[in-house]
Structures are given as C-alpha cells and as structure tokens.
Amino acid sequence: MSTTKQTPATGGRTFFGHPRMLANLFSVELWERFSFYGMQALLLYYMTYSLAEGGLAFDEVTAAGLVGAYGGGVYLSTILGAWLADRVLGSERVLFCSAIIIMCGHIALALLPGVVGLAIGLVLVGVGSGGLKANASSLVGTLYAPGDDRRDAGFSIFYMGINIGALVGPLLTNLAWDTYGFHVGFGLAAIGMAAGLVQYAVTRKNLPPAAHEIENPLPRSAYPRWIVVAVVAVVLIGGALGTGLLDAGNLASVMAYTAIAATVAYFAVILTSSKVSALERRRVYSFMPLFVASAAFWSLFQQQFTVVALYSESRLDRNLFGWEMPPGMVQSINPIFIILFAGVFAALWTRLGSRQPSSPVKFSFGLIVMGLAFLAFIPFAGGGANSTPLIGLAAILLLFTWAELFISPIGLSVTTKLAPEAFRTQMLALFFLSISLGTTVSGLLAGFYSEENEVPYFAFSGVTAIILGGALLASAPAIRKAMSGVR
C-alpha cells in the first residue's frame, strides 16, 4: 500500500511508510529466495536417496557436511560480490549479473544428470547467490538517510519479503519432487529465479544514484594483476579437486578454515586502511563480538537443513489426514512464522524508536532463544520413528524464528550503520562471512548427531548458546560505547 508521504532519503511516494523502492528490492529477493530455498529443501534428500529413487546415494554424514559447506560457500562468495561492487561494477550491476548466474545454476541442476549436474549447479548458484545477497542488502541501505530510525524496521520488512519466497519455494518444489522427481523440482526453482530476473530488469532504473556508485574504484592499471590472481585461484582449486586434495569428505573443514582466514584478512584490511577514520575504526572493533555471536547463532539455526532435515524424515509424524507430507516441506514452517512475526517485530522497533534495545542486546536475546529451541528437542528424545508430532516441531521452529528476528535483520541493519564509508558493501560481506562460518560449522556439527545421542547433542548445543548469549548481554554496555552513537 502506498501513500503520498515524502521520505528524507528518496522523496516521493512510500511503501508502508518506507522508500518505495523497498518494495522492488524485496520482490527481487523474494524470487531469489524462492529458487534458493526451493532447491535447498531438496538438496540433502537428493544426495542421500538411492539411485533407484532418483538420488545420488551419498551417506548422511558426507551429505550433511556438503550441505553445510555449500551453504557456507554461498555466504563466503559474498566477499567476491562485495569486492566487485565496491571496486569494479557497483552494487546494482553485480546484483543483475548474479541473478543471471543463479538462474543458470538451477537450470544445470534441472537438466544435467548425476554428480556433474550437482557440482556445476551448486557452484553457479553459490557464486550467484553470494553476489546477490550482499548487494541486495547494501541497496536497501542506500534507501535511508543516515540516522533514519526506520532503518531497522525497513530491513525487517525486507526480511519478510525474503521469507515469502522461502515459504512458497519449498512447498512447490517438494510437491514437484513428490509427483515428478527431483529434477522437475530443480526446474521449478529455475523458473522462479527467471521471474525475479525479469522483475528486476524492469525496475532497476528506479534505484537512487547511490546504488550505482563504485565506492572505491579499482585503478585500470591494477586490472591485469587481479585477472592473474583470479586465474591462479581457479587453477589451484581445479588442481586440488583433480588430485583429490579437496574432496567431499574434507570440504566442510576446508571451507570453515577458509572463512576464518578470510575474516581475519578482511578485518585487517579494513582496520589498516587509510580511508577509515578513527571513529569508523572504533565502530569496526565494536562489530567483532557481534560477528562471533552471529557465527554461533547460524551454526545452530542452519541445522534446519542438516539435523532438522534428517529428523523430519525419520522422527517426525508427517501424516496429514492420510497424506504423508514430503519431509522438505518442513522448511516452509520457519518462513510462515517469519511472515507472521517480522511485521510485529518491525512495528515494535518503530514504536519504541530511540527506546528500543541496542543491537548487542537484541543479539544476546537471539542467542538465548536459540539455545532454548535446542533444549526443546529433549522432551521428544527416544520416542522412536515418526513419534514427534508436527505441532511439536512447529513450536520449536517458532523459537528458531524469534531468535532469527533478533539477529538476522538486525545484523544487516547494524552492519550498514557501523560500516566505514569506503567499505560499505564489504562490511556486509563480513556479516555474511559470519553466516558462512556458522553454516559450515552446522554441517560439521550434524556429523555428531544421531538418534542414539539426541539428549547430549541438543543439551550441549542449547546450553552453549545460552551461555554465549548471557556473556554478550553482560558486555552490551561496553560494546555500545564502542559503537560511538550507533544503536
């Protein structure tokens, strides 16, 4: 719904009291998330189901590690997307090119058979999604003037649009898989991404001038050097794969170490840059504990695609009035709750205005609620096959959702506020690196899960998250002081 109210950032008509282009950007992200989560809801089952069932017959531990490594790779590739945006093409162009790459990846999964199709498809979707994610969020940030109290609420609305796609995608691709097979499900994801690409192509001209800016242009004389670096990187990765140095068994561990190394390097580059003022540097230091908290949170939350996926297939009662629901449809429960509660959280932050909790406090609440969600699995432990009622898992995923709303949209928002001007998009890449690390670790942690050790697994995970949340809450006043005026 639009009104005629003027906005400080862009002027003109608004979308629920926010800049009108917010509607266009969350629509693009909606279709991208439709394709991404629609595909990811099938991924673990595609790898673990037998050849006769249309799968690839991977063992569960290897498949869970690969799902974690792939998810980590998506967020790790935000570094490339952010660097290209800040130094070569600008956020708007990188987003457009990334959408094309994603669509090609889904087409590869749909049309190419076996491990070859899996590898090509996941690489293309991973690289494209990384480029799109960092830059879509960065473009949302350009819609708001500095100090605009609507920013957190705007990111929450943007997040709700994302989750409409995350809701519908798994529902439709699971129905396609159940009726026609895995590859038709992947094909449906490709159609969704094509719809998003067309929508963005039509509306991209309406973005504000800041969306087209290249923050820190790379000198033309440096192009040959970076081209050589890219070629060498591709050759090294290809060599590692060809010689077996990098394989399905160790990919998740390698990805985790890579994310840690990239994080250290990124913080070092930003903190030592002459383009960063003393005030901006202090704010970057304040971001570090939020980075750690984010990584810890995502290492638990992203187990929706590993542990929860395995749990849904074997432990969940999926019988609905005589119809057995495909297990991947469970991935749509969290987006339903996001859609219901994102607006509630956004309205709450808007109503509280300057009285709302600071970002470190919101992060601590997110970790504590996430810990409670894992402890809530314990009463269902030892019940046997198909013993957990659907409403029980839905209640647990409601806690997942509340935890997510305390951290994910708030993390995007506070990162744009703490970012040095010369590293606006690349600071968002740092936030996504925390998700990369957490997502990769979620795949590694899944290797320790089994029906026989559910109580210690869920207890350790839950208690650890609560302890970390409490420590962050105690540190919140000091962190907020270092944030130097940013809430």
Protein backbone atom coordinates (compact mmCIF):
# COMPACT_ATOMS: atom_id res chain seq x y z
CA MET A 1 0.00 0.00 0.00
CA SER A 2 1.38 3.41 -0.92
CA THR A 3 0.82 6.86 0.47
CA THR A 4 1.92 10.31 -0.64
CA LYS A 5 4.21 10.93 2.30
CA GLN A 6 7.68 12.22 1.45
CA THR A 7 10.76 10.32 2.61
CA PRO A 8 14.02 12.03 3.62
CA ALA A 9 16.10 9.54 1.63
CA THR A 10 14.38 9.50 -1.72
CA GLY A 11 11.31 11.71 -1.73
CA GLY A 12 8.10 10.72 -3.50
CA ARG A 13 5.57 8.05 -2.60
CA THR A 14 6.28 5.47 0.08
CA PHE A 15 5.75 1.77 0.74
CA PHE A 16 4.25 1.25 4.22
CA GLY A 17 5.98 4.48 5.26
CA HIS A 18 9.30 3.41 3.72
CA PRO A 19 11.06 4.33 0.45
CA ARG A 20 9.06 2.94 -2.46
CA MET A 21 12.00 1.02 -3.98
CA LEU A 22 12.00 -1.17 -0.85
CA ALA A 23 9.03 -2.98 -2.45
CA ASN A 24 11.02 -3.64 -5.63
CA LEU A 25 14.10 -4.92 -3.81
CA PHE A 26 12.23 -7.29 -1.52
CA SER A 27 10.34 -8.57 -4.56
CA VAL A 28 13.62 -9.43 -6.28
CA GLU A 29 14.90 -11.11 -3.15
CA LEU A 30 11.58 -12.93 -2.78
CA TRP A 31 12.04 -14.70 -6.12
CA GLU A 32 15.70 -15.41 -5.46
CA ARG A 33 14.84 -16.95 -2.09
CA PHE A 34 12.00 -18.92 -3.74
CA SER A 35 14.56 -20.55 -6.01
CA PHE A 36 17.31 -20.89 -3.38
CA TYR A 37 15.24 -22.44 -0.58
CA GLY A 38 13.15 -24.41 -3.04
CA MET A 39 16.34 -26.07 -4.23
CA GLN A 40 17.92 -26.37 -0.77
CA ALA A 41 14.82 -28.11 0.61
CA LEU A 42 15.53 -30.95 -1.83
CA LEU A 43 19.32 -30.95 -1.64
CA LEU A 44 20.02 -33.27 1.31
CA TYR A 45 17.41 -35.78 0.13
CA TYR A 46 18.73 -35.64 -3.46
CA MET A 47 22.19 -36.57 -2.20
CA THR A 48 21.09 -39.29 0.26
CA TYR A 49 18.25 -41.04 -1.58
CA SER A 50 19.17 -44.18 -3.52
CA LEU A 51 19.82 -44.21 -7.25
CA ALA A 52 16.53 -46.06 -7.75
CA GLU A 53 14.73 -43.18 -6.02
CA GLY A 54 16.42 -40.61 -8.25
CA GLY A 55 19.11 -39.62 -5.73
CA LEU A 56 22.90 -39.88 -5.62
CA ALA A 57 23.22 -42.40 -2.73
CA PHE A 58 25.66 -40.36 -0.56
CA ASP A 59 25.95 -41.34 3.11
CA GLU A 60 24.22 -38.98 5.56
CA VAL A 61 27.37 -37.62 7.25
CA THR A 62 29.01 -36.73 3.93
CA ALA A 63 25.79 -35.23 2.58
CA ALA A 64 25.24 -33.11 5.71
CA GLY A 65 28.82 -31.86 5.51
CA LEU A 66 28.37 -30.96 1.85
CA VAL A 67 25.11 -29.10 2.57
CA GLY A 68 26.90 -27.12 5.27
CA ALA A 69 29.91 -26.47 3.06
CA TYR A 70 27.69 -25.39 0.18
CA GLY A 71 25.72 -23.01 2.43
CA GLY A 72 28.98 -21.66 3.81
CA GLY A 73 30.27 -21.23 0.26
CA VAL A 74 27.24 -19.13 -0.65
CA TYR A 75 27.98 -16.66 2.10
CA LEU A 76 31.75 -16.85 1.55
CA SER A 77 31.21 -15.79 -2.05
CA THR A 78 29.65 -12.56 -0.80
CA ILE A 79 33.26 -11.40 -0.49
CA LEU A 80 33.68 -11.61 -4.25
CA GLY A 81 30.32 -9.94 -4.87
CA ALA A 82 31.06 -7.15 -2.41
CA TRP A 83 34.56 -6.54 -3.79
CA LEU A 84 33.26 -6.35 -7.35
CA ALA A 85 30.56 -3.93 -6.21
CA ASP A 86 32.84 -1.62 -4.23
CA ARG A 87 35.75 -1.65 -6.68
CA VAL A 88 34.61 -2.55 -10.22
CA LEU A 89 30.92 -2.57 -11.10
CA GLY A 90 28.80 -1.11 -8.29
CA SER A 91 26.13 -2.94 -6.30
CA GLU A 92 23.36 -2.59 -8.87
CA ARG A 93 25.25 -4.19 -11.76
CA VAL A 94 26.65 -7.01 -9.61
CA LEU A 95 23.15 -7.87 -8.43
CA PHE A 96 21.85 -8.08 -12.01
CA CYS A 97 24.73 -10.31 -13.18
CA SER A 98 24.41 -12.51 -10.10
CA ALA A 99 20.74 -13.16 -10.81
CA ILE A 100 21.64 -14.46 -14.28
CA ILE A 101 24.30 -16.80 -12.82
CA ILE A 102 21.83 -18.18 -10.26
CA MET A 103 19.28 -18.97 -12.94
CA CYS A 104 21.93 -20.83 -14.97
CA GLY A 105 22.83 -22.88 -11.87
CA HIS A 106 19.26 -24.01 -11.31
CA ILE A 107 18.99 -24.93 -14.98
CA ALA A 108 22.14 -27.08 -14.62
CA LEU A 109 20.64 -28.90 -11.61
CA ALA A 110 17.45 -29.50 -13.57
CA LEU A 111 18.99 -30.69 -16.83
CA LEU A 112 22.43 -32.20 -16.11
CA PRO A 113 22.46 -35.69 -14.56
CA GLY A 114 24.33 -37.03 -11.54
CA VAL A 115 27.31 -35.57 -9.71
CA VAL A 116 28.30 -33.40 -12.70
CA GLY A 117 24.98 -31.54 -12.63
CA LEU A 118 25.17 -31.26 -8.83
CA ALA A 119 28.67 -29.78 -8.91
CA ILE A 120 28.07 -27.30 -11.75
CA GLY A 121 24.68 -26.27 -10.39
CA LEU A 122 25.83 -25.71 -6.82
CA VAL A 123 28.89 -23.71 -7.89
CA LEU A 124 26.81 -21.39 -10.08
CA VAL A 125 24.01 -20.98 -7.55
CA GLY A 126 26.54 -20.50 -4.75
CA VAL A 127 28.58 -17.81 -6.51
CA GLY A 128 25.49 -16.05 -7.85
CA SER A 129 23.64 -16.10 -4.52
CA GLY A 130 26.68 -14.70 -2.75
CA GLY A 131 26.88 -11.80 -5.18
CA LEU A 132 23.17 -11.10 -4.94
CA LYS A 133 22.84 -11.32 -1.15
CA ALA A 134 25.49 -8.77 -0.15
CA ASN A 135 24.41 -6.29 -2.78
CA ALA A 136 20.64 -6.55 -2.29
CA SER A 137 21.10 -5.71 1.39
CA SER A 138 23.52 -2.92 0.52
CA LEU A 139 20.97 -1.43 -1.90
CA VAL A 140 18.35 -1.45 0.85
CA GLY A 141 20.79 0.57 2.95
CA THR A 142 21.04 3.24 0.22
CA LEU A 143 17.32 3.95 0.56
CA TYR A 144 17.71 5.51 4.02
CA ALA A 145 19.40 8.71 5.12
CA PRO A 146 21.97 8.48 7.97
CA GLY A 147 20.24 8.42 11.36
CA ASP A 148 16.87 7.38 9.92
CA ASP A 149 15.11 5.45 12.74
CA ARG A 150 13.11 3.48 10.13
CA ARG A 151 16.18 1.53 9.02
CA ASP A 152 15.77 -1.49 11.36
CA ALA A 153 12.07 -1.66 10.53
CA GLY A 154 12.85 -1.39 6.82
CA PHE A 155 15.24 -4.33 6.98
CA SER A 156 12.60 -6.31 8.89
CA ILE A 157 10.07 -5.62 6.12
CA PHE A 158 12.70 -6.60 3.53
CA TYR A 159 13.28 -9.77 5.54
CA MET A 160 9.57 -10.56 5.46
CA GLY A 161 9.62 -10.36 1.66
CA ILE A 162 12.56 -12.76 1.59
CA ASN A 163 10.60 -15.26 3.64
CA ILE A 164 7.55 -15.21 1.41
CA GLY A 165 9.83 -16.74 -1.22
CA ALA A 166 11.34 -19.08 1.38
CA LEU A 167 7.83 -20.24 2.28
CA VAL A 168 6.46 -20.89 -1.20
CA GLY A 169 9.67 -22.30 -2.72
CA PRO A 170 9.97 -25.48 -0.60
CA LEU A 171 6.23 -26.13 -0.78
CA LEU A 172 6.11 -26.10 -4.58
CA THR A 173 9.45 -27.80 -5.26
CA ASN A 174 8.60 -30.58 -2.78
CA LEU A 175 5.26 -31.13 -4.50
CA ALA A 176 7.06 -31.26 -7.86
CA TRP A 177 9.63 -33.72 -6.44
CA ASP A 178 6.92 -35.89 -4.88
CA THR A 179 4.98 -36.04 -8.16
CA TYR A 180 7.58 -35.85 -10.93
CA GLY A 181 11.04 -36.29 -9.37
CA PHE A 182 13.98 -34.20 -8.18
CA HIS A 183 14.91 -32.60 -11.50
CA VAL A 184 11.45 -31.14 -12.08
CA GLY A 185 11.70 -29.60 -8.59
CA PHE A 186 15.03 -28.02 -9.53
CA GLY A 187 13.48 -26.80 -12.80
CA LEU A 188 10.74 -25.03 -10.86
CA ALA A 189 13.43 -23.22 -8.89
CA ALA A 190 14.95 -22.04 -12.19
CA ILE A 191 11.57 -20.64 -13.30
CA GLY A 192 11.28 -18.72 -10.02
CA MET A 193 14.69 -17.13 -10.50
CA ALA A 194 13.81 -16.18 -14.07
CA ALA A 195 10.72 -14.35 -12.74
CA GLY A 196 12.89 -12.41 -10.30
CA LEU A 197 15.37 -11.51 -13.03
CA VAL A 198 12.65 -10.10 -15.29
CA GLN A 199 11.13 -8.12 -12.41
CA TYR A 200 14.48 -6.58 -11.51
CA ALA A 201 15.36 -5.73 -15.11
CA VAL A 202 12.16 -3.68 -15.35
CA THR A 203 12.60 -1.76 -12.07
CA ARG A 204 16.38 -1.34 -11.69
CA LYS A 205 16.33 2.15 -13.26
CA ASN A 206 14.32 3.48 -10.27
CA LEU A 207 17.08 2.89 -7.70
CA PRO A 208 18.67 6.01 -6.14
CA PRO A 209 22.00 7.32 -7.54
CA ALA A 210 23.90 5.85 -4.56
CA ALA A 211 23.02 2.36 -5.79
CA HIS A 212 25.10 2.88 -8.92
CA GLU A 213 28.18 4.32 -7.21
CA ILE A 214 31.51 2.49 -7.09
CA GLU A 215 32.76 3.31 -3.59
CA ASN A 216 36.48 2.66 -4.08
CA PRO A 217 37.17 2.26 -7.83
CA LEU A 218 39.98 -0.09 -8.81
CA PRO A 219 42.57 1.72 -10.95
CA ARG A 220 42.64 0.47 -14.55
CA SER A 221 46.34 -0.24 -14.17
CA ALA A 222 45.53 -2.84 -11.48
CA TYR A 223 43.15 -4.86 -13.68
CA PRO A 224 45.83 -7.19 -15.18
CA ARG A 225 47.16 -8.10 -11.74
CA TRP A 226 43.71 -9.05 -10.43
CA ILE A 227 42.93 -11.04 -13.57
CA VAL A 228 46.09 -13.07 -12.95
CA VAL A 229 45.06 -13.60 -9.31
CA ALA A 230 41.65 -14.89 -10.44
CA VAL A 231 43.17 -17.29 -12.98
CA VAL A 232 45.67 -18.65 -10.44
CA ALA A 233 42.87 -19.18 -7.88
CA VAL A 234 40.79 -21.14 -10.39
CA VAL A 235 43.79 -23.27 -11.37
CA LEU A 236 44.65 -24.02 -7.73
CA ILE A 237 41.08 -25.03 -6.88
CA GLY A 238 40.87 -27.18 -10.00
CA GLY A 239 44.18 -28.82 -9.14
CA ALA A 240 43.07 -29.54 -5.57
CA LEU A 241 39.91 -31.19 -6.85
CA GLY A 242 41.68 -33.09 -9.62
CA THR A 243 44.33 -34.55 -7.31
CA GLY A 244 41.88 -35.44 -4.56
CA LEU A 245 43.44 -32.98 -2.11
CA LEU A 246 39.98 -31.44 -1.80
CA ASP A 247 37.07 -33.87 -1.73
CA ALA A 248 33.59 -34.36 -0.34
CA GLY A 249 34.94 -35.66 2.96
CA ASN A 250 37.07 -32.63 3.87
CA LEU A 251 35.29 -29.83 2.01
CA ALA A 252 33.38 -28.59 5.08
CA SER A 253 36.55 -28.34 7.20
CA VAL A 254 38.43 -26.56 4.41
CA MET A 255 35.52 -24.15 3.99
CA ALA A 256 35.50 -23.37 7.73
CA TYR A 257 39.24 -22.62 7.77
CA THR A 258 38.86 -20.52 4.63
CA ALA A 259 36.06 -18.48 6.25
CA ILE A 260 38.20 -17.88 9.36
CA ALA A 261 41.19 -16.82 7.27
CA ALA A 262 39.04 -14.54 5.12
CA THR A 263 37.55 -12.97 8.25
CA VAL A 264 40.94 -12.18 9.76
CA ALA A 265 42.17 -10.78 6.44
CA TYR A 266 39.07 -8.66 5.93
CA PHE A 267 39.21 -7.12 9.40
CA ALA A 268 42.92 -6.41 8.89
CA VAL A 269 42.35 -4.71 5.52
CA ILE A 270 39.56 -2.50 6.85
CA LEU A 271 41.26 -1.58 10.12
CA THR A 272 44.57 -0.67 8.45
CA SER A 273 43.07 1.29 5.55
CA SER A 274 43.94 4.98 5.36
CA LYS A 275 40.39 5.58 4.11
CA VAL A 276 38.98 4.61 7.53
CA SER A 277 38.74 7.35 10.18
CA ALA A 278 39.42 6.83 13.89
CA LEU A 279 35.67 6.90 14.62
CA GLU A 280 34.95 4.35 11.88
CA ARG A 281 37.78 2.13 13.14
CA ARG A 282 36.33 2.13 16.67
CA ARG A 283 32.98 1.09 15.26
CA VAL A 284 34.59 -1.78 13.34
CA TYR A 285 36.13 -3.06 16.60
CA SER A 286 32.67 -2.95 18.19
CA PHE A 287 31.40 -5.18 15.38
CA MET A 288 33.75 -8.05 16.32
CA PRO A 289 31.73 -9.52 19.26
CA LEU A 290 28.59 -9.25 17.12
CA PHE A 291 30.41 -11.22 14.41
CA VAL A 292 31.23 -14.02 16.89
CA ALA A 293 27.66 -14.07 18.20
CA SER A 294 26.30 -14.23 14.66
CA ALA A 295 28.56 -17.16 13.74
CA ALA A 296 27.47 -19.06 16.86
CA PHE A 297 23.81 -18.39 16.12
CA TRP A 298 23.99 -19.56 12.49
CA SER A 299 25.86 -22.73 13.45
CA LEU A 300 22.65 -23.76 15.22
CA PHE A 301 19.99 -22.10 13.07
CA GLN A 302 21.30 -23.55 9.79
CA GLN A 303 20.89 -27.06 11.16
CA GLN A 304 17.38 -26.74 9.72
CA PHE A 305 18.99 -28.04 6.51
CA THR A 306 21.02 -30.81 8.15
CA VAL A 307 19.90 -32.13 11.56
CA VAL A 308 16.29 -30.91 11.30
CA ALA A 309 16.07 -32.29 7.75
CA LEU A 310 17.23 -35.74 8.92
CA TYR A 311 14.99 -35.50 12.00
CA SER A 312 11.97 -34.61 9.83
CA GLU A 313 12.42 -37.68 7.66
CA SER A 314 12.87 -40.24 10.44
CA ARG A 315 11.45 -38.83 13.69
CA LEU A 316 8.55 -36.62 12.60
CA ASP A 317 4.94 -37.75 12.22
CA ARG A 318 4.23 -36.29 8.76
CA ASN A 319 0.81 -37.90 8.27
CA LEU A 320 -1.77 -35.23 7.50
CA PHE A 321 -5.29 -36.67 7.16
CA GLY A 322 -3.95 -39.76 5.40
CA TRP A 323 -1.42 -37.90 3.22
CA GLU A 324 2.28 -38.20 4.03
CA MET A 325 3.84 -34.79 3.68
CA PRO A 326 7.24 -34.73 1.91
CA PRO A 327 9.90 -34.07 4.58
CA GLY A 328 11.30 -31.00 2.82
CA MET A 329 8.04 -29.13 3.35
CA VAL A 330 9.11 -28.67 6.97
CA GLN A 331 11.46 -25.98 5.60
CA SER A 332 8.40 -23.78 4.99
CA ILE A 333 7.39 -23.66 8.67
CA ASN A 334 10.03 -21.11 9.65
CA PRO A 335 9.11 -18.73 6.78
CA ILE A 336 5.43 -18.90 7.80
CA PHE A 337 6.38 -17.68 11.26
CA ILE A 338 8.72 -15.05 9.79
CA ILE A 339 5.86 -13.66 7.71
CA LEU A 340 3.61 -13.59 10.78
CA PHE A 341 6.13 -12.04 13.14
CA ALA A 342 8.51 -9.91 11.02
CA GLY A 343 5.89 -7.17 10.82
CA VAL A 344 5.27 -7.44 14.57
CA PHE A 345 8.98 -7.03 15.33
CA ALA A 346 9.27 -4.18 12.79
CA ALA A 347 6.29 -2.38 14.34
CA LEU A 348 7.75 -2.89 17.82
CA TRP A 349 11.12 -1.37 16.85
CA THR A 350 9.34 1.52 15.09
CA ARG A 351 7.09 2.20 18.07
CA LEU A 352 9.97 2.09 20.55
CA GLY A 353 12.14 4.33 18.34
CA SER A 354 15.16 5.50 20.32
CA ARG A 355 13.97 3.47 23.34
CA GLN A 356 14.40 0.11 21.63
CA PRO A 357 17.13 -2.29 22.90
CA SER A 358 20.56 -1.79 21.39
CA SER A 359 21.81 -4.19 18.73
CA PRO A 360 24.11 -6.12 21.15
CA VAL A 361 21.13 -6.70 23.47
CA LYS A 362 18.99 -7.92 20.57
CA PHE A 363 21.81 -10.29 19.54
CA SER A 364 22.05 -11.68 23.08
CA PHE A 365 18.29 -12.32 23.17
CA GLY A 366 18.60 -14.14 19.84
CA LEU A 367 21.30 -16.49 21.15
CA ILE A 368 19.38 -17.24 24.34
CA VAL A 369 16.15 -18.04 22.48
CA MET A 370 18.11 -20.21 20.02
CA GLY A 371 19.51 -22.16 22.94
CA LEU A 372 16.02 -22.69 24.34
CA ALA A 373 14.90 -24.01 20.95
CA PHE A 374 17.53 -26.76 21.04
CA LEU A 375 16.66 -27.66 24.62
CA ALA A 376 13.03 -28.02 23.48
CA PHE A 377 14.01 -31.06 21.39
CA ILE A 378 14.91 -33.02 24.53
CA PRO A 379 11.34 -33.97 25.66
CA PHE A 380 10.87 -35.78 22.32
CA ALA A 381 14.14 -37.74 22.56
CA GLY A 382 13.94 -41.54 22.44
CA GLY A 383 10.42 -41.65 21.05
CA GLY A 384 11.28 -43.74 18.02
CA ALA A 385 10.38 -43.40 14.35
CA ASN A 386 7.70 -40.88 13.40
CA SER A 387 6.97 -40.17 17.07
CA THR A 388 7.37 -36.38 17.19
CA PRO A 389 4.09 -34.56 16.47
CA LEU A 390 4.21 -31.93 13.76
CA ILE A 391 2.92 -29.30 16.18
CA GLY A 392 5.85 -30.08 18.50
CA LEU A 393 8.43 -29.39 15.79
CA ALA A 394 6.45 -26.32 14.71
CA ALA A 395 6.72 -24.93 18.26
CA ILE A 396 10.49 -25.47 18.21
CA LEU A 397 10.76 -23.74 14.84
CA LEU A 398 8.74 -20.83 16.27
CA LEU A 399 11.60 -20.33 18.73
CA PHE A 400 14.03 -20.56 15.80
CA THR A 401 12.05 -17.75 14.17
CA TRP A 402 12.02 -15.43 17.16
CA ALA A 403 15.75 -15.95 17.58
CA GLU A 404 16.31 -15.21 13.89
CA LEU A 405 14.34 -11.95 14.06
CA PHE A 406 16.53 -10.76 16.93
CA ILE A 407 19.70 -11.34 14.91
CA SER A 408 19.40 -11.58 11.13
CA PRO A 409 17.61 -8.36 10.06
CA ILE A 410 19.20 -6.50 12.97
CA GLY A 411 22.63 -7.76 11.89
CA LEU A 412 22.10 -6.49 8.36
CA SER A 413 20.96 -3.13 9.67
CA VAL A 414 23.68 -2.57 12.29
CA THR A 415 26.36 -3.62 9.80
CA THR A 416 25.31 -0.88 7.37
CA LYS A 417 25.39 1.60 10.27
CA LEU A 418 28.83 0.56 11.54
CA ALA A 419 30.41 0.26 8.08
CA PRO A 420 33.15 2.73 7.08
CA GLU A 421 32.06 4.72 4.03
CA ALA A 422 34.78 3.22 1.81
CA PHE A 423 33.83 -0.35 2.80
CA ARG A 424 30.04 -0.16 2.85
CA THR A 425 29.32 -3.32 0.87
CA GLN A 426 32.41 -5.17 2.06
CA MET A 427 31.33 -4.76 5.70
CA LEU A 428 28.13 -6.53 4.73
CA ALA A 429 30.34 -9.24 3.28
CA LEU A 430 31.93 -9.53 6.73
CA PHE A 431 28.50 -10.08 8.27
CA PHE A 432 27.80 -12.74 5.66
CA LEU A 433 31.18 -14.30 6.49
CA SER A 434 29.83 -14.90 10.00
CA ILE A 435 26.91 -16.73 8.38
CA SER A 436 29.35 -18.62 6.13
CA LEU A 437 31.36 -19.80 9.11
CA GLY A 438 28.25 -20.70 11.11
CA THR A 439 26.61 -22.52 8.19
CA THR A 440 29.74 -24.56 7.50
CA VAL A 441 30.03 -25.46 11.19
CA SER A 442 26.35 -26.51 11.18
CA GLY A 443 27.25 -29.20 8.63
CA LEU A 444 30.20 -30.36 10.72
CA LEU A 445 28.09 -30.47 13.89
CA ALA A 446 25.48 -32.55 12.09
CA GLY A 447 28.07 -35.33 11.84
CA PHE A 448 27.84 -35.74 15.64
CA TYR A 449 24.07 -36.08 15.66
CA SER A 450 22.30 -39.44 15.80
CA GLU A 451 19.08 -40.73 17.30
CA GLU A 452 21.13 -42.51 19.99
CA ASN A 453 22.80 -39.32 21.35
CA GLU A 454 19.99 -36.79 20.96
CA VAL A 455 19.87 -35.70 24.61
CA PRO A 456 23.58 -34.80 24.98
CA TYR A 457 23.68 -33.29 21.48
CA PHE A 458 20.71 -30.97 21.99
CA ALA A 459 21.64 -30.19 25.61
CA PHE A 460 25.22 -29.20 24.76
CA SER A 461 24.10 -27.03 21.83
CA GLY A 462 21.35 -25.31 23.80
CA VAL A 463 23.33 -24.62 26.97
CA THR A 464 26.33 -23.30 24.99
CA ALA A 465 24.11 -20.82 23.11
CA ILE A 466 22.51 -19.59 26.35
CA ILE A 467 25.92 -19.07 27.98
CA LEU A 468 27.19 -17.11 24.96
CA GLY A 469 24.01 -15.01 24.96
CA GLY A 470 24.43 -14.21 28.64
CA ALA A 471 28.06 -13.19 28.13
CA LEU A 472 27.09 -10.89 25.25
CA LEU A 473 24.31 -9.33 27.34
CA ALA A 474 26.79 -8.57 30.12
CA SER A 475 29.17 -7.00 27.59
CA ALA A 476 26.48 -4.94 25.83
CA PRO A 477 27.18 -1.59 27.60
CA ALA A 478 30.87 -1.69 26.66
CA ILE A 479 30.09 -2.71 23.07
CA ARG A 480 27.51 0.05 22.71
CA LYS A 481 30.04 2.61 23.95
CA ALA A 482 32.50 1.49 21.28
CA MET A 483 29.75 1.80 18.66
CA SER A 484 30.01 5.57 19.16
CA GLY A 485 26.43 6.69 18.78
CA VAL A 486 25.18 3.74 16.71
CA ARG A 487 22.45 1.66 18.41
